[in-house]
C-alpha atoms as a PDB file:
ATOM      1  CA  MET A   1     -20.439  18.126 -15.874  1.00  0.00           C
ATOM      2  CA  TRP A   2     -23.985  16.431 -14.684  1.00  0.00           C
ATOM      3  CA  VAL A   3     -26.401  15.516 -17.434  1.00  0.00           C
ATOM      4  CA  ARG A   4     -29.423  16.813 -15.262  1.00  0.00           C
ATOM      5  CA  ILE A   5     -32.390  13.987 -16.063  1.00  0.00           C
ATOM      6  CA  GLU A   6     -35.690  14.972 -14.175  1.00  0.00           C
ATOM      7  CA  ASP A   7     -35.733  13.669 -10.824  1.00  0.00           C
ATOM      8  CA  ALA A   8     -39.231  11.367 -11.527  1.00  0.00           C
ATOM      9  CA  ASN A   9     -37.505   9.464 -14.710  1.00  0.00           C
ATOM     10  CA  SER A  10     -34.395   8.805 -11.766  1.00  0.00           C
ATOM     11  CA  ILE A  11     -37.098   7.513  -9.269  1.00  0.00           C
ATOM     12  CA  LYS A  12     -38.476   5.580 -11.760  1.00  0.00           C
ATOM     13  CA  SER A  13     -35.152   4.336 -13.113  1.00  0.00           C
ATOM     14  CA  ILE A  14     -33.931   3.462  -9.542  1.00  0.00           C
ATOM     15  CA  ARG A  15     -37.141   1.369  -8.614  1.00  0.00           C
ATOM     16  CA  VAL A  16     -36.275  -0.799 -11.942  1.00  0.00           C
ATOM     17  CA  ALA A  17     -33.026  -1.575 -11.036  1.00  0.00           C
ATOM     18  CA  TYR A  18     -34.226  -2.813  -6.861  1.00  0.00           C
ATOM     19  CA  GLU A  19     -37.148  -4.634  -8.260  1.00  0.00           C
ATOM     20  CA  ALA A  20     -34.560  -6.527 -11.100  1.00  0.00           C
ATOM     21  CA  GLY A  21     -33.048  -7.197  -7.432  1.00  0.00           C
ATOM     22  CA  ILE A  22     -30.373  -4.441  -6.953  1.00  0.00           C
ATOM     23  CA  THR A  23     -30.266  -3.455  -3.574  1.00  0.00           C
ATOM     24  CA  THR A  24     -26.749  -1.585  -2.932  1.00  0.00           C
ATOM     25  CA  ILE A  25     -26.404   1.616  -4.784  1.00  0.00           C
ATOM     26  CA  ASP A  26     -23.363   3.660  -5.070  1.00  0.00           C
ATOM     27  CA  THR A  27     -23.705   7.231  -4.527  1.00  0.00           C
ATOM     28  CA  ALA A  28     -21.597  10.308  -2.865  1.00  0.00           C
ATOM     29  CA  GLU A  29     -22.213  13.469  -1.647  1.00  0.00           C
ATOM     30  CA  VAL A  30     -21.154  14.994  -4.787  1.00  0.00           C
ATOM     31  CA  TYR A  31     -23.024  13.250  -7.389  1.00  0.00           C
ATOM     32  CA  VAL A  32     -25.953  15.212  -8.840  1.00  0.00           C
ATOM     33  CA  GLU A  33     -24.694  18.291  -7.392  1.00  0.00           C
ATOM     34  CA  GLY A  34     -25.740  16.526  -4.004  1.00  0.00           C
ATOM     35  CA  ASP A  35     -28.933  16.050  -4.795  1.00  0.00           C
ATOM     36  CA  SER A  36     -28.423  11.661  -5.812  1.00  0.00           C
ATOM     37  CA  GLU A  37     -29.079  11.118  -1.753  1.00  0.00           C
ATOM     38  CA  GLY A  38     -32.333  12.686  -1.775  1.00  0.00           C
ATOM     39  CA  ILE A  39     -33.549  11.254  -4.819  1.00  0.00           C
ATOM     40  CA  LEU A  40     -32.587   7.652  -3.504  1.00  0.00           C
ATOM     41  CA  ALA A  41     -34.160   8.581  -0.229  1.00  0.00           C
ATOM     42  CA  GLU A  42     -37.512   9.081  -2.065  1.00  0.00           C
ATOM     43  CA  ALA A  43     -36.817   6.471  -4.846  1.00  0.00           C
ATOM     44  CA  LEU A  44     -36.631   3.679  -1.928  1.00  0.00           C
ATOM     45  CA  SER A  45     -38.098   5.284   1.250  1.00  0.00           C
ATOM     46  CA  ASP A  46     -40.825   2.321   1.143  1.00  0.00           C
ATOM     47  CA  VAL A  47     -38.047  -0.404   1.134  1.00  0.00           C
ATOM     48  CA  ARG A  48     -35.263   1.600   2.980  1.00  0.00           C
ATOM     49  CA  THR A  49     -34.557  -1.448   4.991  1.00  0.00           C
ATOM     50  CA  HIS A  50     -33.452  -3.818   2.356  1.00  0.00           C
ATOM     51  CA  VAL A  51     -31.078  -1.419   0.809  1.00  0.00           C
ATOM     52  CA  GLU A  52     -28.003  -0.453   1.514  1.00  0.00           C
ATOM     53  CA  TYR A  53     -26.295   2.836   0.015  1.00  0.00           C
ATOM     54  CA  ALA A  54     -22.508   3.242  -0.562  1.00  0.00           C
ATOM     55  CA  THR A  55     -21.848   6.525  -0.039  1.00  0.00           C
ATOM     56  CA  LYS A  56     -18.736   8.388   0.076  1.00  0.00           C
ATOM     57  CA  VAL A  57     -16.982  11.495   1.066  1.00  0.00           C
ATOM     58  CA  PHE A  58     -14.530  13.423  -1.522  1.00  0.00           C
ATOM     59  CA  ALA A  59     -11.304  13.698  -1.790  1.00  0.00           C
ATOM     60  CA  ASN A  60     -11.318  17.370  -1.242  1.00  0.00           C
ATOM     61  CA  HIS A  61     -13.888  17.022   1.759  1.00  0.00           C
ATOM     62  CA  LEU A  62     -11.708  15.533   4.139  1.00  0.00           C
ATOM     63  CA  LYS A  63     -10.636  17.861   6.976  1.00  0.00           C
ATOM     64  CA  TYR A  64     -12.343  16.857  10.114  1.00  0.00           C
ATOM     65  CA  GLU A  65     -14.917  19.420   9.795  1.00  0.00           C
ATOM     66  CA  GLN A  66     -16.017  18.757   6.548  1.00  0.00           C
ATOM     67  CA  VAL A  67     -16.499  14.949   6.743  1.00  0.00           C
ATOM     68  CA  ILE A  68     -18.801  15.327  10.275  1.00  0.00           C
ATOM     69  CA  GLU A  69     -20.907  18.464   7.642  1.00  0.00           C
ATOM     70  CA  ALA A  70     -20.996  16.088   4.890  1.00  0.00           C
ATOM     71  CA  CYS A  71     -22.125  12.989   6.947  1.00  0.00           C
ATOM     72  CA  ASP A  72     -24.792  15.179   8.629  1.00  0.00           C
ATOM     73  CA  ARG A  73     -25.692  16.314   4.836  1.00  0.00           C
ATOM     74  CA  SER A  74     -26.021  12.151   4.126  1.00  0.00           C
ATOM     75  CA  LEU A  75     -28.306  11.116   6.892  1.00  0.00           C
ATOM     76  CA  THR A  76     -30.447  14.014   6.590  1.00  0.00           C
ATOM     77  CA  LYS A  77     -30.360  13.661   2.798  1.00  0.00           C
ATOM     78  CA  GLN A  78     -30.828  10.006   2.890  1.00  0.00           C
ATOM     79  CA  ALA A  79     -32.972   9.957   6.173  1.00  0.00           C
ATOM     80  CA  LEU A  80     -31.049   7.836   8.170  1.00  0.00           C
ATOM     81  CA  GLU A  81     -30.307   7.381  11.773  1.00  0.00           C
ATOM     82  CA  LYS A  82     -26.399   6.443  11.022  1.00  0.00           C
ATOM     83  CA  LEU A  83     -24.238   5.877   9.264  1.00  0.00           C
ATOM     84  CA  CYS A  84     -22.012   2.994   8.538  1.00  0.00           C
ATOM     85  CA  PRO A  85     -18.002   3.025   8.155  1.00  0.00           C
ATOM     86  CA  ILE A  86     -17.548   0.935   4.767  1.00  0.00           C
ATOM     87  CA  ALA A  87     -14.695  -0.111   5.763  1.00  0.00           C
ATOM     88  CA  LEU A  88     -16.636  -2.552   8.132  1.00  0.00           C
ATOM     89  CA  LEU A  89     -18.452  -3.804   5.117  1.00  0.00           C
ATOM     90  CA  HIS A  90     -15.596  -4.487   3.501  1.00  0.00           C
ATOM     91  CA  ASN A  91     -13.565  -6.216   5.881  1.00  0.00           C
ATOM     92  CA  CYS A  92     -11.184  -3.266   6.036  1.00  0.00           C
ATOM     93  CA  THR A  93      -9.247  -1.897   9.444  1.00  0.00           C
ATOM     94  CA  PHE A  94      -9.230   1.847  10.076  1.00  0.00           C
ATOM     95  CA  ALA A  95      -5.885   1.581   9.640  1.00  0.00           C
ATOM     96  CA  GLN A  96      -5.979   0.806   6.328  1.00  0.00           C
ATOM     97  CA  LEU A  97      -8.598   3.529   5.914  1.00  0.00           C
ATOM     98  CA  ALA A  98      -6.111   5.784   7.696  1.00  0.00           C
ATOM     99  CA  LEU A  99      -3.655   5.058   4.981  1.00  0.00           C
ATOM    100  CA  ASP A 100      -6.019   5.458   2.374  1.00  0.00           C
ATOM    101  CA  TRP A 101      -6.454   8.735   3.396  1.00  0.00           C
ATOM    102  CA  LEU A 102      -3.128   9.624   3.421  1.00  0.00           C
ATOM    103  CA  ILE A 103      -2.185   8.695   0.025  1.00  0.00           C
ATOM    104  CA  ALA A 104      -5.362  10.533  -1.547  1.00  0.00           C
ATOM    105  CA  GLN A 105      -3.414  13.698   0.611  1.00  0.00           C
ATOM    106  CA  PRO A 106      -2.291  16.159  -2.015  1.00  0.00           C
ATOM    107  CA  GLN A 107       1.194  16.764  -0.328  1.00  0.00           C
ATOM    108  CA  THR A 108       1.702  12.763  -0.314  1.00  0.00           C
ATOM    109  CA  ASN A 109       4.267  11.437  -2.440  1.00  0.00           C
ATOM    110  CA  LEU A 110       3.826   7.970  -3.114  1.00  0.00           C
END
């Protein structure tokens, strides 16, 4: 499903984007078969404090244990100490986030 690009080319592209002013990067645990977060970490390690990653856990990984495991993988791959829930970055309440999660469940009929 993913078009594989050499990591070195991806890193160069990410650096060009950062140097052009891009400081928020969208990623997810499943992008590039799970490698995107590590590629980002490598590309931006020296400017990490100036960049925000918007990483996500996908709908098929929303069981409690899966979310914890996905977050642990993201922390490791991105070389981070903590993650900040995106709900806090977008003035979204945890109730709204929980409702979004509920709607995303296959058994929900909305």
